[in-house]
Amino acid sequence: MSETINHDSLDKEVVKFFTKILMDPVNPSPPPELSAVEGFNGLYELLADIKNVLHHFSKGEFSHKFSRIGSTAGYIRALQSNIRHLSWQCNAVAEGDLTLRVEFMGALSDAFNRMTESLAAKQEMITSQWTQLTRITAELQNEVKRKEEAEVALKISEEMYRQKSLRDPLTGLYNRGYFFEAVTREMENLKRLTDGQGCFLMMDIDHFKKFNDTNGHICGDEAIKMVTTTIDCSLRKSDIFARYGGEEFVLYLPSTDLKQGLAIAERIRVSVASQPSPGKNSQEPVTVSIGVCVVESSRLNFADTGGKILLEALVEADTALYTAKAKGRNRVWASPERPDGLAL
């Protein structure tokens, strides 16, 4: 009876001890009386190893070496292998491979496969949308480019038409309208200066009607172009040169006093007279008469507009031009009239 009680007590101690191993975080050391039981130590080590590998599982460590044999050990190693393989598959998906499928972990495999299929479908949709967006972007860029090119072409066209509207078609010089617009601004600026000045030259081809009647209008046009080219070669970039009408030209020389203006006018007169005549029936040289006047800021009325100052200056230069013609043509005359005439 005593031996039976001892066995019952021992069984209870074994159960209690193995329960403690499973429940406590640290494995207890087996008492000597249990260690003496045959097979106890082997079972203790096996249970401790299983507990240890489960502890590593709980921390996400699936490479812990488990060298036991048997069905339980096989289950554990299979679980380790499956989880490692699933982890590798997840990393492959993270890197963009959505073709992978898992068939070895039941419901977890099904969840993984649904995830990759859903991601693949979304990736396909995103790729399609990206393709459409790329196409739309390219079309918009092309449209913007076409619009910009059209705007540039329009601006060029507008500038060409603007220039044509400002230019004389025969000579390419600025026309009368441009001259009035540009020089009016110059006069507005001039009247603000304390010691500014500028010269006006009115020029007219001598006996032009007679030249036309003798040689024809085509030669007359050639004469006008010859005079234009000759005068233009004598000018600065800042000078404003225009065809005033018919055979008459007008020139404004900024920052130029009367003496300088008369010298330029005389140089122009001599250059024109020295050119070969374009006439067919007459070899007489083409000549010009020039009237000159100076505008000085110190003599201007600040209340006058630039347009009024310009008109008054043109009247003076025109008066000087007619005086030059009355004096015999092919000459320069200044206004107001000076005792020495040319003042050269």
Foldseek 3Di string as FASTA:
>chain_A
DVVVVVVVVLVVVLVVQLVCCVPDPDRDDDDPVQVPDPPSVVVSVVSNLVVVCVVCVVVVHLPDDDPDDDDVSVVSVVVSVLVVVVVVVVVVVVVPPLPDADDPDPPVRVVSNVVSVVVVVVVVVVVVVVVVVVVVVVVVVVVVVVVVVVVVVVVVVVVVVVQVVQADVLQRAGAQVVVLVVQLVVLLVQLVDQWWKKKKKKKFKPPLVVLCVQFNVVLSSVLLNLLSVLLVVLDDPPKHKYAHDDRMIMIMGTRDDLVRVLVSVLVSQVSQQPDFRSGDRDRHGIGMEMFMEMDTSNPDDNVDGSSVVVVVNVVQRVVQRVVCVVVPGSYYAYPPGDPVGSSD
